[in-house]
Amino acid sequence: MVSGVSYIKIEEIGLSVRTYNTLKRARLNTVGDVTQMSDKQLRGIRNLGKKTFDEIKREVFDEDRVIMSITNEILRLEARLQPLTDRLADGIGKQELDPEKIKKYKALIKEKDGNL
């Protein structure tokens, strides 16, 4: 695994809820946390069965899949931001936009930029 994706949070790679919850309970928060573990260590995690183990091996240890998941998340966020940027581009004044929404979207963009 290339270290470029090791800092990515597990919630950003599209795991099933069961797999995500199992990893979080084991205090594994990033791709790097998971990939540093041996198969034996992973299998020793409470409530981590064969299907969950297989999903982790498929989704977390495959760098291309991780990158694709992150790309999809970025595209999803861009789609959510598009209406706001369209309104700004159409010349609607900032005074008509909800300042709290603008802060929220800016925080999301900043968070995603920091995670890439």
Foldseek 3Di string as FASTA:
>chain_A
DDVLQFAAFPVQQDDDPQLNVQCVVVVQTGLNSVVVDDLVVQVPRPPCDDVSSVRCCVRSVDVVSRVVSLVVVVVVLVVVCVVVVVCVVVPDDPVVDDPVVVVVSVVVVVVSVVND
